[in-house]
Amino acid sequence: MTPGEILVDHAARSFRVYPRESRALKDLVFARRHARGSEVWALRDVSFGVQPGSAVGLVGRNGSGKTTLLRLLSGIVKPTSGRVAVGGRVGSLLELGAGFHPDMTGRENVYLNGSIHGLSRATIREKLDEIVAFAGLEDFIDLPVRTYSSGMYMRLGFAIAAHIEADVLLLDEVFAVGDEAFQRKCFGKIFEFKQQGGTIVFVSHDAASVERLCDRAVLLKDGSVMFDGPTPPARRRAGSRRARGRAEGVGWRHGAHRAGTPARA
């Protein structure tokens, strides 16, 4: 595949959910042996393609399958059926603190994340100062990341993802935490990546951010594609579904991230 190209062909993903959470290994073995569990489909027959240099937004209510789709694109999980292919190196910020070891320092986690993305230690060393400066964590980079606030987690995670010379950048609610100044900084870096021909897949409940960054959006509902096209009509459709959900007493849920004990930024 061409670097930056994405192909999702009739992809589906299911998970088996058991009626009670197992705390111990014995409970887990016993539960799996005697409980049937139920199959939950997070994605159903999803198909779309993305050309290199495009920016696509994934929109929809919580539980519609957006994050699961990003996990398929990143290779964290495999589709139950269908095909998902991504060309080139993928940089991702899918979950606050994902890929970080809480007892390692910020500096050590930069090396860890870089190696996961296939960078040599020499390459990471060259980029380290730039990553730390972008995140604004010069005074905290040698502290364990478990002492970081949620905003510091996001800043370091985004800085790493944005500096690994990726062909595809996967971003899930990256602006849910962090101050306004850093959000502007992130937008600048994302636009720079886009202008250099990088491909972006962006998930956000902030419709204005999606429309500002993406000229195309995919609207998901209950794991299926309801609309794939220009961002403004996708935003309007998502808004109308949101309004109907509120009228029915459902509404959209907005989760709050928690990431260790807050530290001074």
C-alpha atoms as a PDB file:
ATOM      1  CA  MET A   1       0.000   0.000   0.000  1.00  0.00           C
ATOM      2  CA  THR A   2       1.005   3.603  -0.525  1.00  0.00           C
ATOM      3  CA  PRO A   3       2.258   5.261   2.690  1.00  0.00           C
ATOM      4  CA  GLY A   4      -0.649   7.137   4.241  1.00  0.00           C
ATOM      5  CA  GLU A   5      -3.340   5.109   2.491  1.00  0.00           C
ATOM      6  CA  ILE A   6      -6.107   3.459   4.555  1.00  0.00           C
ATOM      7  CA  LEU A   7      -8.471   0.693   3.463  1.00  0.00           C
ATOM      8  CA  VAL A   8     -11.331  -0.659   5.595  1.00  0.00           C
ATOM      9  CA  ASP A   9     -13.210  -3.421   3.790  1.00  0.00           C
ATOM     10  CA  HIS A  10     -16.360  -4.868   5.410  1.00  0.00           C
ATOM     11  CA  ALA A  11     -14.681  -4.775   8.812  1.00  0.00           C
ATOM     12  CA  ALA A  12     -16.496  -6.017  11.901  1.00  0.00           C
ATOM     13  CA  ARG A  13     -15.384  -6.465  15.479  1.00  0.00           C
ATOM     14  CA  SER A  14     -17.084  -8.277  18.330  1.00  0.00           C
ATOM     15  CA  PHE A  15     -16.201  -8.739  21.987  1.00  0.00           C
ATOM     16  CA  ARG A  16     -17.392 -11.386  24.433  1.00  0.00           C
ATOM     17  CA  VAL A  17     -18.784  -9.877  27.606  1.00  0.00           C
ATOM     18  CA  TYR A  18     -19.319 -11.928  30.761  1.00  0.00           C
ATOM     19  CA  PRO A  19     -22.019 -11.164  33.351  1.00  0.00           C
ATOM     20  CA  ARG A  20     -19.628 -10.614  36.272  1.00  0.00           C
ATOM     21  CA  GLU A  21     -16.125  -9.218  36.559  1.00  0.00           C
ATOM     22  CA  SER A  22     -13.492 -11.769  37.620  1.00  0.00           C
ATOM     23  CA  ARG A  23     -11.019 -10.469  40.179  1.00  0.00           C
ATOM     24  CA  ALA A  24      -8.826 -13.544  40.656  1.00  0.00           C
ATOM     25  CA  LEU A  25      -7.369 -16.086  38.214  1.00  0.00           C
ATOM     26  CA  LYS A  26      -9.454 -18.873  39.779  1.00  0.00           C
ATOM     27  CA  ASP A  27     -12.610 -16.796  39.353  1.00  0.00           C
ATOM     28  CA  LEU A  28     -11.663 -16.032  35.761  1.00  0.00           C
ATOM     29  CA  VAL A  29     -11.122 -19.705  34.860  1.00  0.00           C
ATOM     30  CA  PHE A  30     -14.301 -20.778  36.639  1.00  0.00           C
ATOM     31  CA  ALA A  31     -16.363 -17.986  35.076  1.00  0.00           C
ATOM     32  CA  ARG A  32     -15.124 -18.687  31.566  1.00  0.00           C
ATOM     33  CA  ARG A  33     -15.834 -22.381  32.012  1.00  0.00           C
ATOM     34  CA  HIS A  34     -19.371 -22.040  33.342  1.00  0.00           C
ATOM     35  CA  ALA A  35     -20.587 -18.709  31.941  1.00  0.00           C
ATOM     36  CA  ARG A  36     -21.523 -18.427  28.322  1.00  0.00           C
ATOM     37  CA  GLY A  37     -21.098 -14.678  28.088  1.00  0.00           C
ATOM     38  CA  SER A  38     -22.716 -12.535  25.428  1.00  0.00           C
ATOM     39  CA  GLU A  39     -21.286 -11.363  22.132  1.00  0.00           C
ATOM     40  CA  VAL A  40     -21.305  -7.600  21.630  1.00  0.00           C
ATOM     41  CA  TRP A  41     -20.657  -6.171  18.172  1.00  0.00           C
ATOM     42  CA  ALA A  42     -18.737  -2.893  18.356  1.00  0.00           C
ATOM     43  CA  LEU A  43     -18.461  -2.585  14.561  1.00  0.00           C
ATOM     44  CA  ARG A  44     -20.551  -4.080  11.772  1.00  0.00           C
ATOM     45  CA  ASP A  45     -19.671  -4.191   8.063  1.00  0.00           C
ATOM     46  CA  VAL A  46     -17.673  -0.936   8.001  1.00  0.00           C
ATOM     47  CA  SER A  47     -16.109   0.012   4.661  1.00  0.00           C
ATOM     48  CA  PHE A  48     -14.309   3.155   3.533  1.00  0.00           C
ATOM     49  CA  GLY A  49     -10.997   4.256   2.065  1.00  0.00           C
ATOM     50  CA  VAL A  50      -8.730   7.212   2.779  1.00  0.00           C
ATOM     51  CA  GLN A  51      -6.191   8.621   0.353  1.00  0.00           C
ATOM     52  CA  PRO A  52      -2.764   9.886   1.507  1.00  0.00           C
ATOM     53  CA  GLY A  53      -2.842  13.489   2.705  1.00  0.00           C
ATOM     54  CA  SER A  54      -6.513  13.411   3.711  1.00  0.00           C
ATOM     55  CA  ALA A  55      -8.032  14.362   7.065  1.00  0.00           C
ATOM     56  CA  VAL A  56     -11.105  12.362   8.057  1.00  0.00           C
ATOM     57  CA  GLY A  57     -13.211  12.844  11.178  1.00  0.00           C
ATOM     58  CA  LEU A  58     -15.049  10.023  12.928  1.00  0.00           C
ATOM     59  CA  VAL A  59     -18.200  11.333  14.589  1.00  0.00           C
ATOM     60  CA  GLY A  60     -21.054   9.785  16.523  1.00  0.00           C
ATOM     61  CA  ARG A  61     -22.371   9.259  20.013  1.00  0.00           C
ATOM     62  CA  ASN A  62     -20.390   7.445  22.687  1.00  0.00           C
ATOM     63  CA  GLY A  63     -20.594   3.727  22.027  1.00  0.00           C
ATOM     64  CA  SER A  64     -20.947   4.158  18.255  1.00  0.00           C
ATOM     65  CA  GLY A  65     -17.632   2.402  17.548  1.00  0.00           C
ATOM     66  CA  LYS A  66     -15.257   5.302  16.895  1.00  0.00           C
ATOM     67  CA  THR A  67     -12.494   4.277  19.310  1.00  0.00           C
ATOM     68  CA  THR A  68     -12.786   0.609  18.336  1.00  0.00           C
ATOM     69  CA  LEU A  69     -12.292   1.620  14.705  1.00  0.00           C
ATOM     70  CA  LEU A  70      -9.177   3.612  15.632  1.00  0.00           C
ATOM     71  CA  ARG A  71      -7.854   0.564  17.521  1.00  0.00           C
ATOM     72  CA  LEU A  72      -8.315  -1.523  14.381  1.00  0.00           C
ATOM     73  CA  LEU A  73      -6.455   1.078  12.313  1.00  0.00           C
ATOM     74  CA  SER A  74      -3.603   1.183  14.833  1.00  0.00           C
ATOM     75  CA  GLY A  75      -3.298  -2.616  14.902  1.00  0.00           C
ATOM     76  CA  ILE A  76      -4.033  -2.876  18.641  1.00  0.00           C
ATOM     77  CA  VAL A  77      -6.896  -5.258  17.872  1.00  0.00           C
ATOM     78  CA  LYS A  78      -7.750  -7.266  14.769  1.00  0.00           C
ATOM     79  CA  PRO A  79     -11.121  -7.331  13.021  1.00  0.00           C
ATOM     80  CA  THR A  80     -13.365 -10.291  13.728  1.00  0.00           C
ATOM     81  CA  SER A  81     -14.131 -10.306  10.011  1.00  0.00           C
ATOM     82  CA  GLY A  82     -13.249  -8.173   7.039  1.00  0.00           C
ATOM     83  CA  ARG A  83      -9.984  -6.383   6.324  1.00  0.00           C
ATOM     84  CA  VAL A  84      -8.207  -3.305   7.670  1.00  0.00           C
ATOM     85  CA  ALA A  85      -4.970  -2.098   6.053  1.00  0.00           C
ATOM     86  CA  VAL A  86      -2.877   1.015   6.708  1.00  0.00           C
ATOM     87  CA  GLY A  87       0.154   1.995   4.652  1.00  0.00           C
ATOM     88  CA  GLY A  88       3.316   3.300   6.321  1.00  0.00           C
ATOM     89  CA  ARG A  89       4.121   4.197   9.928  1.00  0.00           C
ATOM     90  CA  VAL A  90       1.213   4.970  12.232  1.00  0.00           C
ATOM     91  CA  GLY A  91       1.380   7.454  15.100  1.00  0.00           C
ATOM     92  CA  SER A  92      -1.497   7.352  17.548  1.00  0.00           C
ATOM     93  CA  LEU A  93      -2.892   9.021  20.623  1.00  0.00           C
ATOM     94  CA  LEU A  94      -5.898   6.854  21.378  1.00  0.00           C
ATOM     95  CA  GLU A  95      -6.204   6.916  25.134  1.00  0.00           C
ATOM     96  CA  LEU A  96      -4.791   9.065  27.890  1.00  0.00           C
ATOM     97  CA  GLY A  97      -1.626   7.372  29.162  1.00  0.00           C
ATOM     98  CA  ALA A  98      -1.782   4.506  26.648  1.00  0.00           C
ATOM     99  CA  GLY A  99       1.683   3.072  26.075  1.00  0.00           C
ATOM    100  CA  PHE A 100       3.128   4.767  29.177  1.00  0.00           C
ATOM    101  CA  HIS A 101       4.625   2.849  32.088  1.00  0.00           C
ATOM    102  CA  PRO A 102       3.521   4.710  35.226  1.00  0.00           C
ATOM    103  CA  ASP A 103       6.701   3.989  37.207  1.00  0.00           C
ATOM    104  CA  MET A 104       9.050   5.123  34.442  1.00  0.00           C
ATOM    105  CA  THR A 105      10.013   8.742  33.987  1.00  0.00           C
ATOM    106  CA  GLY A 106       8.727  10.890  31.162  1.00  0.00           C
ATOM    107  CA  ARG A 107      12.128  10.635  29.479  1.00  0.00           C
ATOM    108  CA  GLU A 108      12.140   6.836  29.713  1.00  0.00           C
ATOM    109  CA  ASN A 109       8.616   6.712  28.327  1.00  0.00           C
ATOM    110  CA  VAL A 110       9.656   8.781  25.320  1.00  0.00           C
ATOM    111  CA  TYR A 111      12.265   6.119  24.519  1.00  0.00           C
ATOM    112  CA  LEU A 112       9.734   3.351  25.175  1.00  0.00           C
ATOM    113  CA  ASN A 113       7.098   4.854  22.884  1.00  0.00           C
ATOM    114  CA  GLY A 114       9.637   5.641  20.204  1.00  0.00           C
ATOM    115  CA  SER A 115      10.890   2.058  20.177  1.00  0.00           C
ATOM    116  CA  ILE A 116       7.301   0.766  19.959  1.00  0.00           C
ATOM    117  CA  HIS A 117       6.921   2.863  16.790  1.00  0.00           C
ATOM    118  CA  GLY A 118      10.122   1.426  15.340  1.00  0.00           C
ATOM    119  CA  LEU A 119      12.520   4.325  15.967  1.00  0.00           C
ATOM    120  CA  SER A 120      16.128   3.671  16.936  1.00  0.00           C
ATOM    121  CA  ARG A 121      17.517   5.071  20.189  1.00  0.00           C
ATOM    122  CA  ALA A 122      19.755   7.392  18.179  1.00  0.00           C
ATOM    123  CA  THR A 123      16.737   8.833  16.326  1.00  0.00           C
ATOM    124  CA  ILE A 124      14.791   9.249  19.560  1.00  0.00           C
ATOM    125  CA  ARG A 125      17.785  10.964  21.174  1.00  0.00           C
ATOM    126  CA  GLU A 126      17.874  13.468  18.313  1.00  0.00           C
ATOM    127  CA  LYS A 127      14.192  14.284  18.756  1.00  0.00           C
ATOM    128  CA  LEU A 128      14.056  14.175  22.564  1.00  0.00           C
ATOM    129  CA  ASP A 129      14.678  17.850  23.273  1.00  0.00           C
ATOM    130  CA  GLU A 130      12.139  18.904  20.651  1.00  0.00           C
ATOM    131  CA  ILE A 131       9.510  16.529  22.090  1.00  0.00           C
ATOM    132  CA  VAL A 132      10.072  17.733  25.665  1.00  0.00           C
ATOM    133  CA  ALA A 133      10.016  21.395  24.622  1.00  0.00           C
ATOM    134  CA  PHE A 134       6.813  20.946  22.618  1.00  0.00           C
ATOM    135  CA  ALA A 135       5.148  19.278  25.617  1.00  0.00           C
ATOM    136  CA  GLY A 136       6.446  22.013  27.930  1.00  0.00           C
ATOM    137  CA  LEU A 137       7.633  19.432  30.468  1.00  0.00           C
ATOM    138  CA  GLU A 138      11.270  20.430  30.896  1.00  0.00           C
ATOM    139  CA  ASP A 139      10.902  20.575  34.693  1.00  0.00           C
ATOM    140  CA  PHE A 140       9.009  17.269  34.927  1.00  0.00           C
ATOM    141  CA  ILE A 141      10.536  14.993  32.290  1.00  0.00           C
ATOM    142  CA  ASP A 142      12.619  13.055  34.857  1.00  0.00           C
ATOM    143  CA  LEU A 143       9.678  12.410  37.204  1.00  0.00           C
ATOM    144  CA  PRO A 144       7.585   9.204  37.083  1.00  0.00           C
ATOM    145  CA  VAL A 145       4.594   9.749  34.818  1.00  0.00           C
ATOM    146  CA  ARG A 146       2.250   8.493  37.567  1.00  0.00           C
ATOM    147  CA  THR A 147       2.800  11.912  39.145  1.00  0.00           C
ATOM    148  CA  TYR A 148       1.598  13.682  35.983  1.00  0.00           C
ATOM    149  CA  SER A 149      -1.755  15.386  35.666  1.00  0.00           C
ATOM    150  CA  SER A 150      -4.114  14.385  32.849  1.00  0.00           C
ATOM    151  CA  GLY A 151      -3.037  17.479  30.900  1.00  0.00           C
ATOM    152  CA  MET A 152       0.638  16.552  31.226  1.00  0.00           C
ATOM    153  CA  TYR A 153      -0.124  13.019  30.026  1.00  0.00           C
ATOM    154  CA  MET A 154      -1.865  14.378  26.970  1.00  0.00           C
ATOM    155  CA  ARG A 155       0.889  16.880  26.204  1.00  0.00           C
ATOM    156  CA  LEU A 156       3.616  14.259  26.330  1.00  0.00           C
ATOM    157  CA  GLY A 157       1.568  11.684  24.403  1.00  0.00           C
ATOM    158  CA  PHE A 158       0.717  14.151  21.649  1.00  0.00           C
ATOM    159  CA  ALA A 159       4.295  15.426  21.450  1.00  0.00           C
ATOM    160  CA  ILE A 160       5.577  11.873  20.925  1.00  0.00           C
ATOM    161  CA  ALA A 161       2.906  11.007  18.338  1.00  0.00           C
ATOM    162  CA  ALA A 162       3.576  14.230  16.422  1.00  0.00           C
ATOM    163  CA  HIS A 163       7.355  13.770  16.222  1.00  0.00           C
ATOM    164  CA  ILE A 164       7.812  10.144  15.106  1.00  0.00           C
ATOM    165  CA  GLU A 165       7.681  10.929  11.361  1.00  0.00           C
ATOM    166  CA  ALA A 166       4.444   8.993  10.876  1.00  0.00           C
ATOM    167  CA  ASP A 167       2.518   8.628   7.631  1.00  0.00           C
ATOM    168  CA  VAL A 168      -0.810   8.303   9.458  1.00  0.00           C
ATOM    169  CA  LEU A 169      -1.845  10.082  12.654  1.00  0.00           C
ATOM    170  CA  LEU A 170      -4.734   8.663  14.705  1.00  0.00           C
ATOM    171  CA  LEU A 171      -6.134  11.059  17.303  1.00  0.00           C
ATOM    172  CA  ASP A 172      -8.897  10.284  19.809  1.00  0.00           C
ATOM    173  CA  GLU A 173     -10.249  13.214  21.852  1.00  0.00           C
ATOM    174  CA  VAL A 174      -6.812  14.824  22.124  1.00  0.00           C
ATOM    175  CA  PHE A 175      -8.372  18.165  23.095  1.00  0.00           C
ATOM    176  CA  ALA A 176     -10.483  16.773  25.932  1.00  0.00           C
ATOM    177  CA  VAL A 177      -7.800  17.888  28.388  1.00  0.00           C
ATOM    178  CA  GLY A 178      -5.125  20.557  28.266  1.00  0.00           C
ATOM    179  CA  ASP A 179      -5.256  24.329  28.236  1.00  0.00           C
ATOM    180  CA  GLU A 180      -6.302  26.522  25.336  1.00  0.00           C
ATOM    181  CA  ALA A 181      -2.741  27.586  24.507  1.00  0.00           C
ATOM    182  CA  PHE A 182      -1.603  23.979  24.104  1.00  0.00           C
ATOM    183  CA  GLN A 183      -4.690  23.146  22.040  1.00  0.00           C
ATOM    184  CA  ARG A 184      -3.715  25.897  19.599  1.00  0.00           C
ATOM    185  CA  LYS A 185      -0.196  24.480  19.543  1.00  0.00           C
ATOM    186  CA  CYS A 186      -1.596  21.031  18.761  1.00  0.00           C
ATOM    187  CA  PHE A 187      -3.745  22.381  15.937  1.00  0.00           C
ATOM    188  CA  GLY A 188      -0.710  24.079  14.448  1.00  0.00           C
ATOM    189  CA  LYS A 189       1.263  20.828  14.517  1.00  0.00           C
ATOM    190  CA  ILE A 190      -1.646  18.869  13.039  1.00  0.00           C
ATOM    191  CA  PHE A 191      -2.066  21.360  10.175  1.00  0.00           C
ATOM    192  CA  GLU A 192       1.683  21.215   9.540  1.00  0.00           C
ATOM    193  CA  PHE A 193       1.485  17.400   9.385  1.00  0.00           C
ATOM    194  CA  LYS A 194      -1.457  17.638   6.980  1.00  0.00           C
ATOM    195  CA  GLN A 195       0.289  20.147   4.711  1.00  0.00           C
ATOM    196  CA  GLN A 196       3.285  17.794   4.495  1.00  0.00           C
ATOM    197  CA  GLY A 197       1.044  15.075   3.064  1.00  0.00           C
ATOM    198  CA  GLY A 198       0.251  13.127   6.231  1.00  0.00           C
ATOM    199  CA  THR A 199      -3.054  11.333   6.699  1.00  0.00           C
ATOM    200  CA  ILE A 200      -5.173  12.127   9.767  1.00  0.00           C
ATOM    201  CA  VAL A 201      -8.071  10.247  11.347  1.00  0.00           C
ATOM    202  CA  PHE A 202      -9.565  12.411  14.073  1.00  0.00           C
ATOM    203  CA  VAL A 203     -12.193  11.562  16.709  1.00  0.00           C
ATOM    204  CA  SER A 204     -13.798  14.330  18.730  1.00  0.00           C
ATOM    205  CA  HIS A 205     -17.163  15.295  20.216  1.00  0.00           C
ATOM    206  CA  ASP A 206     -16.246  18.905  19.416  1.00  0.00           C
ATOM    207  CA  ALA A 207     -17.980  19.325  16.064  1.00  0.00           C
ATOM    208  CA  ALA A 208     -16.255  22.674  15.456  1.00  0.00           C
ATOM    209  CA  SER A 209     -12.808  21.048  15.793  1.00  0.00           C
ATOM    210  CA  VAL A 210     -13.754  18.276  13.374  1.00  0.00           C
ATOM    211  CA  GLU A 211     -15.052  20.775  10.814  1.00  0.00           C
ATOM    212  CA  ARG A 212     -11.985  22.976  11.242  1.00  0.00           C
ATOM    213  CA  LEU A 213      -9.557  20.125  10.627  1.00  0.00           C
ATOM    214  CA  CYS A 214     -11.387  17.631   8.399  1.00  0.00           C
ATOM    215  CA  ASP A 215     -13.012  18.108   5.010  1.00  0.00           C
ATOM    216  CA  ARG A 216     -14.622  14.669   5.276  1.00  0.00           C
ATOM    217  CA  ALA A 217     -16.406  12.887   8.106  1.00  0.00           C
ATOM    218  CA  VAL A 218     -17.707   9.372   8.745  1.00  0.00           C
ATOM    219  CA  LEU A 219     -20.786   9.215  10.984  1.00  0.00           C
ATOM    220  CA  LEU A 220     -21.099   6.010  12.996  1.00  0.00           C
ATOM    221  CA  LYS A 221     -24.165   4.705  14.814  1.00  0.00           C
ATOM    222  CA  ASP A 222     -24.235   1.398  16.699  1.00  0.00           C
ATOM    223  CA  GLY A 223     -21.076   0.280  14.911  1.00  0.00           C
ATOM    224  CA  SER A 224     -22.303   0.963  11.374  1.00  0.00           C
ATOM    225  CA  VAL A 225     -21.577   3.759   8.900  1.00  0.00           C
ATOM    226  CA  MET A 226     -24.610   6.037   8.607  1.00  0.00           C
ATOM    227  CA  PHE A 227     -22.967   8.742   6.474  1.00  0.00           C
ATOM    228  CA  ASP A 228     -19.643   9.246   4.706  1.00  0.00           C
ATOM    229  CA  GLY A 229     -19.069  12.562   3.023  1.00  0.00           C
ATOM    230  CA  PRO A 230     -18.328  16.271   3.509  1.00  0.00           C
ATOM    231  CA  THR A 231     -17.992  17.374   7.124  1.00  0.00           C
ATOM    232  CA  PRO A 232     -20.779  20.026   7.316  1.00  0.00           C
ATOM    233  CA  PRO A 233     -23.651  17.639   6.448  1.00  0.00           C
ATOM    234  CA  ALA A 234     -22.126  14.967   8.701  1.00  0.00           C
ATOM    235  CA  ARG A 235     -22.062  17.501  11.511  1.00  0.00           C
ATOM    236  CA  ARG A 236     -25.697  18.429  10.884  1.00  0.00           C
ATOM    237  CA  ARG A 237     -26.772  14.784  10.869  1.00  0.00           C
ATOM    238  CA  ALA A 238     -24.837  14.094  14.060  1.00  0.00           C
ATOM    239  CA  GLY A 239     -26.437  17.157  15.652  1.00  0.00           C
ATOM    240  CA  SER A 240     -29.941  16.078  14.680  1.00  0.00           C
ATOM    241  CA  ARG A 241     -29.344  12.606  16.134  1.00  0.00           C
ATOM    242  CA  ARG A 242     -27.987  14.198  19.274  1.00  0.00           C
ATOM    243  CA  ALA A 243     -31.091  16.368  19.593  1.00  0.00           C
ATOM    244  CA  ARG A 244     -33.371  13.358  19.156  1.00  0.00           C
ATOM    245  CA  GLY A 245     -31.390  11.470  21.791  1.00  0.00           C
ATOM    246  CA  ARG A 246     -31.825  14.313  24.264  1.00  0.00           C
ATOM    247  CA  ALA A 247     -35.526  14.509  23.506  1.00  0.00           C
ATOM    248  CA  GLU A 248     -35.734  10.805  24.351  1.00  0.00           C
ATOM    249  CA  GLY A 249     -33.861  11.394  27.584  1.00  0.00           C
ATOM    250  CA  VAL A 250     -30.665   9.741  26.371  1.00  0.00           C
ATOM    251  CA  GLY A 251     -28.226  12.503  25.433  1.00  0.00           C
ATOM    252  CA  TRP A 252     -24.532  12.183  24.676  1.00  0.00           C
ATOM    253  CA  ARG A 253     -22.181  11.074  27.422  1.00  0.00           C
ATOM    254  CA  HIS A 254     -18.925  12.930  27.938  1.00  0.00           C
ATOM    255  CA  GLY A 255     -16.334  10.848  29.784  1.00  0.00           C
ATOM    256  CA  ALA A 256     -13.665  12.419  31.991  1.00  0.00           C
ATOM    257  CA  HIS A 257     -10.109  11.153  31.882  1.00  0.00           C
ATOM    258  CA  ARG A 258      -8.164  10.379  34.994  1.00  0.00           C
ATOM    259  CA  ALA A 259      -4.447   9.747  34.905  1.00  0.00           C
ATOM    260  CA  GLY A 260      -2.657   9.412  38.201  1.00  0.00           C
ATOM    261  CA  THR A 261      -2.078  12.040  40.830  1.00  0.00           C
ATOM    262  CA  PRO A 262      -2.115  15.596  39.478  1.00  0.00           C
ATOM    263  CA  ALA A 263       1.148  17.488  39.472  1.00  0.00           C
ATOM    264  CA  ARG A 264       1.888  21.132  38.858  1.00  0.00           C
ATOM    265  CA  ALA A 265       2.040  21.913  35.137  1.00  0.00           C
END
